[in-house]
Amino acid sequence: MDISIIAIKSSFLHFLKRFHATIFTLTVLVGLVFVVLALNNIVSSSSTSANYTPAGTPLTFDQQTIDRVNSLKSRDDASSELDLSQGRANPFVEN
């Protein structure tokens, strides 16, 4: 059996010509899987809340805000009637 470098080179080139699309697709998919797993690892390790301190001050309502909310009318208070007689103009009607 005579194995030469030229025969190996020609068989390798024939293999690449035949399966170049498959090799490219597998390479891209393996790269994408690696990127997704790396990003998943980064997100999962950065989302631990053991040492988390919230930024800013806690939200509180002052008396002025409470008074403004209490002064709003409820649904049952119908002191003024709305005039809906004119309605909206139909843009498809010719005058």
Protein backbone atom coordinates (compact mmCIF):
# COMPACT_ATOMS: atom_id res chain seq x y z
CA MET A 1 0.00 0.00 0.00
CA ASP A 2 1.57 3.19 -1.18
CA ILE A 3 0.37 6.19 0.82
CA SER A 4 1.76 9.46 -0.39
CA ILE A 5 1.21 13.04 0.66
CA ILE A 6 -0.39 13.84 -2.69
CA ALA A 7 -2.99 11.06 -2.26
CA ILE A 8 -3.80 12.21 1.27
CA LYS A 9 -4.05 15.81 0.12
CA SER A 10 -6.32 14.92 -2.79
CA SER A 11 -8.62 12.77 -0.62
CA PHE A 12 -8.80 15.54 2.00
CA LEU A 13 -9.66 18.14 -0.64
CA HIS A 14 -12.31 15.81 -2.07
CA PHE A 15 -13.77 15.42 1.43
CA LEU A 16 -13.84 19.23 1.90
CA LYS A 17 -15.47 19.78 -1.49
CA ARG A 18 -18.13 17.20 -0.73
CA PHE A 19 -18.99 18.21 2.85
CA HIS A 20 -18.07 21.92 3.01
CA ALA A 21 -21.66 23.05 3.70
CA THR A 22 -22.13 20.50 6.46
CA ILE A 23 -18.81 21.36 8.09
CA PHE A 24 -19.63 25.08 7.95
CA THR A 25 -23.11 24.54 9.41
CA LEU A 26 -21.80 22.41 12.24
CA THR A 27 -19.07 24.94 13.00
CA VAL A 28 -21.60 27.78 13.15
CA LEU A 29 -23.99 25.77 15.34
CA VAL A 30 -21.25 24.77 17.76
CA GLY A 31 -20.20 28.42 17.97
CA LEU A 32 -23.77 29.53 18.66
CA VAL A 33 -24.21 26.89 21.35
CA PHE A 34 -21.00 28.06 22.99
CA VAL A 35 -22.14 31.71 22.91
CA VAL A 36 -25.59 30.88 24.32
CA LEU A 37 -24.12 28.81 27.14
CA ALA A 38 -21.57 31.49 27.96
CA LEU A 39 -24.25 34.20 28.06
CA ASN A 40 -26.50 31.96 30.17
CA ASN A 41 -23.65 31.45 32.61
CA ILE A 42 -22.99 35.20 32.81
CA VAL A 43 -26.68 36.04 33.35
CA SER A 44 -27.24 33.35 35.95
CA SER A 45 -24.13 34.28 37.91
CA SER A 46 -24.88 38.01 37.83
CA SER A 47 -28.50 37.65 38.96
CA THR A 48 -27.70 36.44 42.47
CA SER A 49 -29.22 38.83 44.97
CA ALA A 50 -27.13 37.92 48.02
CA ASN A 51 -25.16 41.18 48.06
CA TYR A 52 -27.77 43.35 46.33
CA THR A 53 -28.59 46.72 47.81
CA PRO A 54 -31.30 48.70 46.01
CA ALA A 55 -30.29 52.08 44.70
CA GLY A 56 -32.25 55.15 45.71
CA THR A 57 -34.62 55.77 48.55
CA PRO A 58 -37.71 53.74 49.40
CA LEU A 59 -40.95 55.16 48.07
CA THR A 60 -43.22 56.88 50.58
CA PHE A 61 -46.31 59.06 50.25
CA ASP A 62 -46.33 62.42 51.91
CA GLN A 63 -49.48 64.01 53.30
CA GLN A 64 -49.89 66.32 50.29
CA THR A 65 -50.05 63.33 47.92
CA ILE A 66 -52.54 61.50 50.17
CA ASP A 67 -54.77 64.61 50.26
CA ARG A 68 -54.66 64.94 46.46
CA VAL A 69 -55.67 61.29 46.01
CA ASN A 70 -58.49 61.61 48.52
CA SER A 71 -59.80 64.73 46.77
CA LEU A 72 -60.35 62.85 43.50
CA LYS A 73 -63.91 62.02 42.60
CA SER A 74 -65.08 58.45 42.77
CA ARG A 75 -67.07 56.65 40.13
CA ASP A 76 -70.29 57.11 42.06
CA ASP A 77 -69.96 60.93 42.13
CA ALA A 78 -71.69 62.05 38.92
CA SER A 79 -71.94 65.75 39.58
CA SER A 80 -71.44 66.85 35.97
CA GLU A 81 -72.97 65.16 32.97
CA LEU A 82 -70.90 64.79 29.84
CA ASP A 83 -72.31 66.13 26.59
CA LEU A 84 -71.72 63.41 23.98
CA SER A 85 -74.35 64.65 21.51
CA GLN A 86 -71.93 65.72 18.79
CA GLY A 87 -69.74 62.64 18.89
CA ARG A 88 -66.98 62.12 16.40
CA ALA A 89 -67.08 63.13 12.75
CA ASN A 90 -67.06 60.25 10.27
CA PRO A 91 -64.24 60.90 7.77
CA PHE A 92 -65.86 58.63 5.16
CA VAL A 93 -69.08 60.62 4.84
CA GLU A 94 -69.20 63.22 2.07
CA ASN A 95 -70.95 66.47 2.93
